Amino acid sequence: MIKVKNNADNSAELFIYGDIIDDADSNWIFEDDNGYVWPQNIKQQLDKIDDNQPLTVYINSNGGSVPAGVAISNMIARHKGPTKAVVDGWACSIATQIFFSADKREIPENAYLMIHKPSCMCAGDADDFAAAIDMLDTLQTGLESTYLKAAKDGVTADQIHNLVEASTWLTGAEAAELFDVSVTAATTAAAYAGKSFKPLDKMPDGLKVEKAPAEKEPDPEPADKVDAAALKLKIALATI
């Protein structure tokens, strides 16, 4: 879901909920189909507001495409007005780059950030695989540089690297020990996981994955026609 809202106090809000995908992949998204985020749509939403308005970006995302996420984070960083990013449930993988692109960052003490190594699919000969490894190493260096810029004094590049290597989940309280973020009181929230939900690395035990309740009982589908990726999922955050 991508939604922008202008407020009476001349501030604006941008909601980034769901899986982050490339512009090319958005061609098969229906207009009323929530659960995906892509750069061109974000740009269209930002074009609707004054570039000097204060902007709050609310994030609930598993992450997704690295190029798309970096493009969105750069759009937020270029906004001339003051920006604030708020994690509503969690910001995972490339969604953390969007979070850290804002001037100020806010996260409930029981919400989550998750940082890990970038990944890709590759086919070809040994040279192709070697090139893919070089690309992933370069991407990881860039991602880690963003985390280091947002880190508190005394946090080293090696610490950041080790956290990324280990696929690390951080509660808001834990993130505040490492990064320049403000922590708010714990909340009980439901975080929409997007349409193409897949298990994330080392998901904490305190999280539960459920299907969203159906509005009506659907007609049975033959087993070979069930589209598992289209199931609506929600993530229930346990209050810590």
C-alpha atoms as a PDB file:
ATOM      1  CA  MET A   1       0.000   0.000   0.000  1.00  0.00           C
ATOM      2  CA  ILE A   2       1.276   3.459  -0.901  1.00  0.00           C
ATOM      3  CA  LYS A   3      -0.706   6.402   0.374  1.00  0.00           C
ATOM      4  CA  VAL A   4       0.114  10.067   0.905  1.00  0.00           C
ATOM      5  CA  LYS A   5      -1.981  12.394   3.032  1.00  0.00           C
ATOM      6  CA  ASN A   6      -1.871  16.159   3.576  1.00  0.00           C
ATOM      7  CA  ASN A   7      -2.735  17.341   7.088  1.00  0.00           C
ATOM      8  CA  ALA A   8      -4.338  20.544   8.321  1.00  0.00           C
ATOM      9  CA  ASP A   9      -1.074  21.612   9.993  1.00  0.00           C
ATOM     10  CA  ASN A  10       0.655  21.681   6.560  1.00  0.00           C
ATOM     11  CA  SER A  11       2.504  18.436   7.216  1.00  0.00           C
ATOM     12  CA  ALA A  12       2.284  15.382   4.966  1.00  0.00           C
ATOM     13  CA  GLU A  13       2.282  11.645   5.656  1.00  0.00           C
ATOM     14  CA  LEU A  14       3.500   8.863   3.365  1.00  0.00           C
ATOM     15  CA  PHE A  15       2.616   5.236   4.123  1.00  0.00           C
ATOM     16  CA  ILE A  16       4.943   2.535   2.801  1.00  0.00           C
ATOM     17  CA  TYR A  17       3.339  -0.802   3.627  1.00  0.00           C
ATOM     18  CA  GLY A  18       4.215  -4.032   1.825  1.00  0.00           C
ATOM     19  CA  ASP A  19       6.808  -5.612  -0.423  1.00  0.00           C
ATOM     20  CA  ILE A  20       9.184  -3.301  -2.292  1.00  0.00           C
ATOM     21  CA  ILE A  21       9.269  -4.165  -5.991  1.00  0.00           C
ATOM     22  CA  ASP A  22      10.817  -2.741  -9.159  1.00  0.00           C
ATOM     23  CA  ASP A  23       8.847  -0.438 -11.445  1.00  0.00           C
ATOM     24  CA  ALA A  24       8.805  -3.086 -14.186  1.00  0.00           C
ATOM     25  CA  ASP A  25       7.123  -5.561 -11.844  1.00  0.00           C
ATOM     26  CA  SER A  26       4.383  -3.059 -11.022  1.00  0.00           C
ATOM     27  CA  ASN A  27       2.854  -3.586 -14.473  1.00  0.00           C
ATOM     28  CA  TRP A  28       0.894  -6.583 -13.225  1.00  0.00           C
ATOM     29  CA  ILE A  29      -0.405  -4.837 -10.073  1.00  0.00           C
ATOM     30  CA  PHE A  30      -4.095  -3.974 -10.140  1.00  0.00           C
ATOM     31  CA  GLU A  31      -5.027  -0.410  -9.141  1.00  0.00           C
ATOM     32  CA  ASP A  32      -6.793  -1.533  -5.946  1.00  0.00           C
ATOM     33  CA  ASP A  33      -4.221  -4.196  -5.053  1.00  0.00           C
ATOM     34  CA  ASN A  34      -2.460  -3.282  -1.814  1.00  0.00           C
ATOM     35  CA  GLY A  35       0.663  -4.941  -0.479  1.00  0.00           C
ATOM     36  CA  TYR A  36       3.314  -3.626  -2.889  1.00  0.00           C
ATOM     37  CA  VAL A  37       5.526  -0.533  -3.071  1.00  0.00           C
ATOM     38  CA  TRP A  38       7.525   0.662  -6.106  1.00  0.00           C
ATOM     39  CA  PRO A  39       9.583   3.793  -6.885  1.00  0.00           C
ATOM     40  CA  GLN A  40       7.446   5.346  -9.628  1.00  0.00           C
ATOM     41  CA  ASN A  41       4.352   5.283  -7.439  1.00  0.00           C
ATOM     42  CA  ILE A  42       6.268   6.782  -4.531  1.00  0.00           C
ATOM     43  CA  LYS A  43       7.429   9.584  -6.839  1.00  0.00           C
ATOM     44  CA  GLN A  44       3.847  10.200  -7.954  1.00  0.00           C
ATOM     45  CA  GLN A  45       2.751  10.429  -4.328  1.00  0.00           C
ATOM     46  CA  LEU A  46       5.572  12.810  -3.407  1.00  0.00           C
ATOM     47  CA  ASP A  47       4.765  14.993  -6.414  1.00  0.00           C
ATOM     48  CA  LYS A  48       1.343  15.630  -4.852  1.00  0.00           C
ATOM     49  CA  ILE A  49       2.828  17.462  -1.868  1.00  0.00           C
ATOM     50  CA  ASP A  50       4.888  20.606  -1.426  1.00  0.00           C
ATOM     51  CA  ASP A  51       8.589  19.734  -1.414  1.00  0.00           C
ATOM     52  CA  ASN A  52       9.053  22.024   1.590  1.00  0.00           C
ATOM     53  CA  GLN A  53       6.344  20.396   3.732  1.00  0.00           C
ATOM     54  CA  PRO A  54       7.329  18.415   6.813  1.00  0.00           C
ATOM     55  CA  LEU A  55       7.000  14.736   5.812  1.00  0.00           C
ATOM     56  CA  THR A  56       6.448  11.692   8.019  1.00  0.00           C
ATOM     57  CA  VAL A  57       7.036   8.291   6.416  1.00  0.00           C
ATOM     58  CA  TYR A  58       5.337   5.303   8.070  1.00  0.00           C
ATOM     59  CA  ILE A  59       6.955   1.948   7.261  1.00  0.00           C
ATOM     60  CA  ASN A  60       5.720  -1.632   7.539  1.00  0.00           C
ATOM     61  CA  SER A  61       7.677  -3.769   5.097  1.00  0.00           C
ATOM     62  CA  ASN A  62       9.527  -7.036   4.662  1.00  0.00           C
ATOM     63  CA  GLY A  63      11.841  -5.293   2.192  1.00  0.00           C
ATOM     64  CA  GLY A  64      12.340  -6.547  -1.350  1.00  0.00           C
ATOM     65  CA  SER A  65      14.217  -5.147  -4.343  1.00  0.00           C
ATOM     66  CA  VAL A  66      17.501  -3.445  -3.473  1.00  0.00           C
ATOM     67  CA  PRO A  67      17.479  -1.013  -6.455  1.00  0.00           C
ATOM     68  CA  ALA A  68      13.856  -0.052  -5.780  1.00  0.00           C
ATOM     69  CA  GLY A  69      14.472   0.445  -2.071  1.00  0.00           C
ATOM     70  CA  VAL A  70      17.568   2.557  -2.692  1.00  0.00           C
ATOM     71  CA  ALA A  71      15.647   4.684  -5.207  1.00  0.00           C
ATOM     72  CA  ILE A  72      12.861   5.304  -2.674  1.00  0.00           C
ATOM     73  CA  SER A  73      15.340   6.134   0.083  1.00  0.00           C
ATOM     74  CA  ASN A  74      17.018   8.678  -2.202  1.00  0.00           C
ATOM     75  CA  MET A  75      13.649  10.301  -2.923  1.00  0.00           C
ATOM     76  CA  ILE A  76      13.010  10.687   0.798  1.00  0.00           C
ATOM     77  CA  ALA A  77      16.531  12.048   1.345  1.00  0.00           C
ATOM     78  CA  ARG A  78      16.031  14.649  -1.421  1.00  0.00           C
ATOM     79  CA  HIS A  79      12.810  16.003   0.090  1.00  0.00           C
ATOM     80  CA  LYS A  80      13.592  19.603   1.078  1.00  0.00           C
ATOM     81  CA  GLY A  81      11.310  19.765   4.091  1.00  0.00           C
ATOM     82  CA  PRO A  82      12.105  18.029   7.382  1.00  0.00           C
ATOM     83  CA  THR A  83      11.519  14.269   7.264  1.00  0.00           C
ATOM     84  CA  LYS A  84      10.754  11.684   9.911  1.00  0.00           C
ATOM     85  CA  ALA A  85      10.468   7.909   9.476  1.00  0.00           C
ATOM     86  CA  VAL A  86       8.328   5.832  11.831  1.00  0.00           C
ATOM     87  CA  VAL A  87       8.287   2.027  12.022  1.00  0.00           C
ATOM     88  CA  ASP A  88       4.698   0.914  12.516  1.00  0.00           C
ATOM     89  CA  GLY A  89       5.501  -2.800  12.839  1.00  0.00           C
ATOM     90  CA  TRP A  90       8.843  -3.594  11.306  1.00  0.00           C
ATOM     91  CA  ALA A  91      11.288  -2.417   8.675  1.00  0.00           C
ATOM     92  CA  CYS A  92      13.247  -5.338   7.276  1.00  0.00           C
ATOM     93  CA  SER A  93      16.041  -5.693   4.750  1.00  0.00           C
ATOM     94  CA  ILE A  94      16.036  -2.873   2.157  1.00  0.00           C
ATOM     95  CA  ALA A  95      13.173  -1.120   4.001  1.00  0.00           C
ATOM     96  CA  THR A  96      15.744  -0.163   6.654  1.00  0.00           C
ATOM     97  CA  GLN A  97      17.477   1.998   4.031  1.00  0.00           C
ATOM     98  CA  ILE A  98      14.249   3.970   3.654  1.00  0.00           C
ATOM     99  CA  PHE A  99      13.992   4.289   7.432  1.00  0.00           C
ATOM    100  CA  PHE A 100      17.516   5.666   7.760  1.00  0.00           C
ATOM    101  CA  SER A 101      17.094   8.088   4.846  1.00  0.00           C
ATOM    102  CA  ALA A 102      14.899  10.371   6.980  1.00  0.00           C
ATOM    103  CA  ASP A 103      16.284  13.224   9.077  1.00  0.00           C
ATOM    104  CA  LYS A 104      14.723  11.771  12.231  1.00  0.00           C
ATOM    105  CA  ARG A 105      13.740   8.149  12.964  1.00  0.00           C
ATOM    106  CA  GLU A 106      11.236   6.809  15.447  1.00  0.00           C
ATOM    107  CA  ILE A 107      10.454   3.237  16.454  1.00  0.00           C
ATOM    108  CA  PRO A 108       8.366   1.686  19.258  1.00  0.00           C
ATOM    109  CA  GLU A 109      10.503  -0.251  21.688  1.00  0.00           C
ATOM    110  CA  ASN A 110       8.884  -3.536  20.644  1.00  0.00           C
ATOM    111  CA  ALA A 111       8.893  -2.928  16.880  1.00  0.00           C
ATOM    112  CA  TYR A 112      11.715  -4.294  14.737  1.00  0.00           C
ATOM    113  CA  LEU A 113      14.504  -3.522  12.340  1.00  0.00           C
ATOM    114  CA  MET A 114      16.117  -6.424  10.487  1.00  0.00           C
ATOM    115  CA  ILE A 115      19.386  -6.084   8.586  1.00  0.00           C
ATOM    116  CA  HIS A 116      21.038  -8.803   6.519  1.00  0.00           C
ATOM    117  CA  LYS A 117      23.173  -9.526   3.468  1.00  0.00           C
ATOM    118  CA  PRO A 118      21.748  -8.783   0.013  1.00  0.00           C
ATOM    119  CA  SER A 119      20.973 -11.783  -2.175  1.00  0.00           C
ATOM    120  CA  CYS A 120      20.283 -12.489  -5.824  1.00  0.00           C
ATOM    121  CA  MET A 121      19.554 -15.256  -8.298  1.00  0.00           C
ATOM    122  CA  CYS A 122      22.218 -16.111 -10.843  1.00  0.00           C
ATOM    123  CA  ALA A 123      22.622 -18.434 -13.818  1.00  0.00           C
ATOM    124  CA  GLY A 124      25.582 -18.948 -16.105  1.00  0.00           C
ATOM    125  CA  ASP A 125      29.183 -20.034 -15.948  1.00  0.00           C
ATOM    126  CA  ALA A 126      31.796 -19.522 -13.231  1.00  0.00           C
ATOM    127  CA  ASP A 127      32.573 -16.010 -14.474  1.00  0.00           C
ATOM    128  CA  ASP A 128      28.909 -15.029 -14.136  1.00  0.00           C
ATOM    129  CA  PHE A 129      28.803 -16.316 -10.572  1.00  0.00           C
ATOM    130  CA  ALA A 130      32.041 -14.517  -9.708  1.00  0.00           C
ATOM    131  CA  ALA A 131      30.578 -11.279 -11.099  1.00  0.00           C
ATOM    132  CA  ALA A 132      27.426 -11.811  -9.023  1.00  0.00           C
ATOM    133  CA  ILE A 133      29.536 -12.234  -5.887  1.00  0.00           C
ATOM    134  CA  ASP A 134      31.399  -9.001  -6.638  1.00  0.00           C
ATOM    135  CA  MET A 135      28.100  -7.203  -7.185  1.00  0.00           C
ATOM    136  CA  LEU A 136      26.659  -8.469  -3.896  1.00  0.00           C
ATOM    137  CA  ASP A 137      29.804  -7.470  -2.003  1.00  0.00           C
ATOM    138  CA  THR A 138      29.583  -3.971  -3.510  1.00  0.00           C
ATOM    139  CA  LEU A 139      25.909  -3.698  -2.599  1.00  0.00           C
ATOM    140  CA  GLN A 140      26.601  -4.818   0.945  1.00  0.00           C
ATOM    141  CA  THR A 141      29.337  -2.205   1.336  1.00  0.00           C
ATOM    142  CA  GLY A 142      26.884   0.489   0.247  1.00  0.00           C
ATOM    143  CA  LEU A 143      24.141  -0.715   2.571  1.00  0.00           C
ATOM    144  CA  GLU A 144      26.520  -0.903   5.516  1.00  0.00           C
ATOM    145  CA  SER A 145      27.732   2.641   4.846  1.00  0.00           C
ATOM    146  CA  THR A 146      24.153   3.886   5.368  1.00  0.00           C
ATOM    147  CA  TYR A 147      23.908   2.057   8.685  1.00  0.00           C
ATOM    148  CA  LEU A 148      27.280   3.409   9.797  1.00  0.00           C
ATOM    149  CA  LYS A 149      26.253   7.006   9.018  1.00  0.00           C
ATOM    150  CA  ALA A 150      23.199   6.541  11.244  1.00  0.00           C
ATOM    151  CA  ALA A 151      25.158   4.825  14.027  1.00  0.00           C
ATOM    152  CA  LYS A 152      25.944   6.359  17.382  1.00  0.00           C
ATOM    153  CA  ASP A 153      29.430   7.525  18.228  1.00  0.00           C
ATOM    154  CA  GLY A 154      31.642   4.586  19.078  1.00  0.00           C
ATOM    155  CA  VAL A 155      29.847   2.040  16.876  1.00  0.00           C
ATOM    156  CA  THR A 156      32.415   0.720  14.414  1.00  0.00           C
ATOM    157  CA  ALA A 157      32.226  -0.443  10.810  1.00  0.00           C
ATOM    158  CA  ASP A 158      33.185  -3.939  11.988  1.00  0.00           C
ATOM    159  CA  GLN A 159      30.225  -4.024  14.392  1.00  0.00           C
ATOM    160  CA  ILE A 160      27.845  -3.027  11.623  1.00  0.00           C
ATOM    161  CA  HIS A 161      29.376  -5.588   9.254  1.00  0.00           C
ATOM    162  CA  ASN A 162      28.999  -8.374  11.810  1.00  0.00           C
ATOM    163  CA  LEU A 163      25.342  -7.487  12.415  1.00  0.00           C
ATOM    164  CA  VAL A 164      24.625  -7.618   8.669  1.00  0.00           C
ATOM    165  CA  GLU A 165      26.520 -10.878   8.264  1.00  0.00           C
ATOM    166  CA  ALA A 166      24.492 -12.462  11.077  1.00  0.00           C
ATOM    167  CA  SER A 167      21.018 -11.390   9.774  1.00  0.00           C
ATOM    168  CA  THR A 168      20.190  -9.403  12.905  1.00  0.00           C
ATOM    169  CA  TRP A 169      16.766  -8.475  14.285  1.00  0.00           C
ATOM    170  CA  LEU A 170      16.697  -5.453  16.601  1.00  0.00           C
ATOM    171  CA  THR A 171      13.805  -4.265  18.731  1.00  0.00           C
ATOM    172  CA  GLY A 172      13.388  -0.517  18.950  1.00  0.00           C
ATOM    173  CA  ALA A 173      15.121  -0.574  22.333  1.00  0.00           C
ATOM    174  CA  GLU A 174      18.055  -2.541  20.911  1.00  0.00           C
ATOM    175  CA  ALA A 175      18.273  -0.353  17.802  1.00  0.00           C
ATOM    176  CA  ALA A 176      18.543   2.737  20.009  1.00  0.00           C
ATOM    177  CA  GLU A 177      21.713   1.324  21.546  1.00  0.00           C
ATOM    178  CA  LEU A 178      23.374   1.331  18.124  1.00  0.00           C
ATOM    179  CA  PHE A 179      21.681   3.971  16.003  1.00  0.00           C
ATOM    180  CA  ASP A 180      20.463   7.540  16.215  1.00  0.00           C
ATOM    181  CA  VAL A 181      16.769   6.738  16.675  1.00  0.00           C
ATOM    182  CA  SER A 182      14.064   7.798  19.105  1.00  0.00           C
ATOM    183  CA  VAL A 183      12.210   5.041  20.934  1.00  0.00           C
ATOM    184  CA  THR A 184       8.524   5.295  21.809  1.00  0.00           C
ATOM    185  CA  ALA A 185       6.423   3.179  24.150  1.00  0.00           C
ATOM    186  CA  ALA A 186       5.633  -0.418  23.249  1.00  0.00           C
ATOM    187  CA  THR A 187       2.503  -0.948  21.191  1.00  0.00           C
ATOM    188  CA  THR A 188       0.395  -3.866  20.085  1.00  0.00           C
ATOM    189  CA  ALA A 189       0.212  -3.635  16.310  1.00  0.00           C
ATOM    190  CA  ALA A 190      -0.608  -5.690  13.265  1.00  0.00           C
ATOM    191  CA  ALA A 191       1.997  -5.423  10.536  1.00  0.00           C
ATOM    192  CA  TYR A 192       0.832  -6.284   7.060  1.00  0.00           C
ATOM    193  CA  ALA A 193       3.400  -8.525   5.441  1.00  0.00           C
ATOM    194  CA  GLY A 194       2.569  -7.795   1.823  1.00  0.00           C
ATOM    195  CA  LYS A 195       1.387 -10.112  -0.916  1.00  0.00           C
ATOM    196  CA  SER A 196       4.515 -12.137  -1.520  1.00  0.00           C
ATOM    197  CA  PHE A 197       5.257 -12.973   2.085  1.00  0.00           C
ATOM    198  CA  LYS A 198       8.081 -15.399   2.672  1.00  0.00           C
ATOM    199  CA  PRO A 199       9.744 -16.371   5.945  1.00  0.00           C
ATOM    200  CA  LEU A 200      12.421 -13.886   6.877  1.00  0.00           C
ATOM    201  CA  ASP A 201      15.849 -14.795   8.222  1.00  0.00           C
ATOM    202  CA  LYS A 202      15.914 -15.745  11.899  1.00  0.00           C
ATOM    203  CA  MET A 203      12.460 -14.381  12.697  1.00  0.00           C
ATOM    204  CA  PRO A 204      12.137 -13.813  16.484  1.00  0.00           C
ATOM    205  CA  ASP A 205      10.024 -16.228  18.505  1.00  0.00           C
ATOM    206  CA  GLY A 206       7.795 -13.381  19.716  1.00  0.00           C
ATOM    207  CA  LEU A 207       6.224 -12.979  16.288  1.00  0.00           C
ATOM    208  CA  LYS A 208       3.285 -14.959  14.959  1.00  0.00           C
ATOM    209  CA  VAL A 209       2.239 -15.279  11.334  1.00  0.00           C
ATOM    210  CA  GLU A 210      -1.439 -15.713  10.546  1.00  0.00           C
ATOM    211  CA  LYS A 211      -3.745 -15.587   7.553  1.00  0.00           C
ATOM    212  CA  ALA A 212      -5.971 -12.558   7.584  1.00  0.00           C
ATOM    213  CA  PRO A 213      -9.590 -13.606   8.299  1.00  0.00           C
ATOM    214  CA  ALA A 214     -11.653 -13.948   5.133  1.00  0.00           C
ATOM    215  CA  GLU A 215     -14.671 -11.679   4.756  1.00  0.00           C
ATOM    216  CA  LYS A 216     -16.678 -14.600   3.433  1.00  0.00           C
ATOM    217  CA  GLU A 217     -16.065 -18.279   2.961  1.00  0.00           C
ATOM    218  CA  PRO A 218     -14.594 -18.689  -0.525  1.00  0.00           C
ATOM    219  CA  ASP A 219     -15.596 -21.444  -2.887  1.00  0.00           C
ATOM    220  CA  PRO A 220     -13.193 -24.385  -2.777  1.00  0.00           C
ATOM    221  CA  GLU A 221     -10.438 -24.184  -5.378  1.00  0.00           C
ATOM    222  CA  PRO A 222      -8.749 -27.161  -6.948  1.00  0.00           C
ATOM    223  CA  ALA A 223      -5.347 -27.713  -5.346  1.00  0.00           C
ATOM    224  CA  ASP A 224      -3.531 -26.911  -8.572  1.00  0.00           C
ATOM    225  CA  LYS A 225      -5.221 -23.488  -8.863  1.00  0.00           C
ATOM    226  CA  VAL A 226      -4.532 -22.099  -5.392  1.00  0.00           C
ATOM    227  CA  ASP A 227      -2.335 -19.008  -5.618  1.00  0.00           C
ATOM    228  CA  ALA A 228      -0.400 -19.116  -2.376  1.00  0.00           C
ATOM    229  CA  ALA A 229       1.273 -15.760  -3.082  1.00  0.00           C
ATOM    230  CA  ALA A 230      -2.135 -14.072  -3.144  1.00  0.00           C
ATOM    231  CA  LEU A 231      -3.033 -15.092   0.407  1.00  0.00           C
ATOM    232  CA  LYS A 232      -3.423 -12.108   2.680  1.00  0.00           C
ATOM    233  CA  LEU A 233      -1.182 -12.389   5.705  1.00  0.00           C
ATOM    234  CA  LYS A 234      -0.795 -10.358   8.794  1.00  0.00           C
ATOM    235  CA  ILE A 235       1.927 -10.265  11.380  1.00  0.00           C
ATOM    236  CA  ALA A 236       0.738  -9.886  14.946  1.00  0.00           C
ATOM    237  CA  LEU A 237       3.391  -8.164  17.039  1.00  0.00           C
ATOM    238  CA  ALA A 238       3.447  -9.394  20.604  1.00  0.00           C
ATOM    239  CA  THR A 239       3.737  -6.635  23.178  1.00  0.00           C
ATOM    240  CA  ILE A 240       7.009  -7.081  24.990  1.00  0.00           C
END
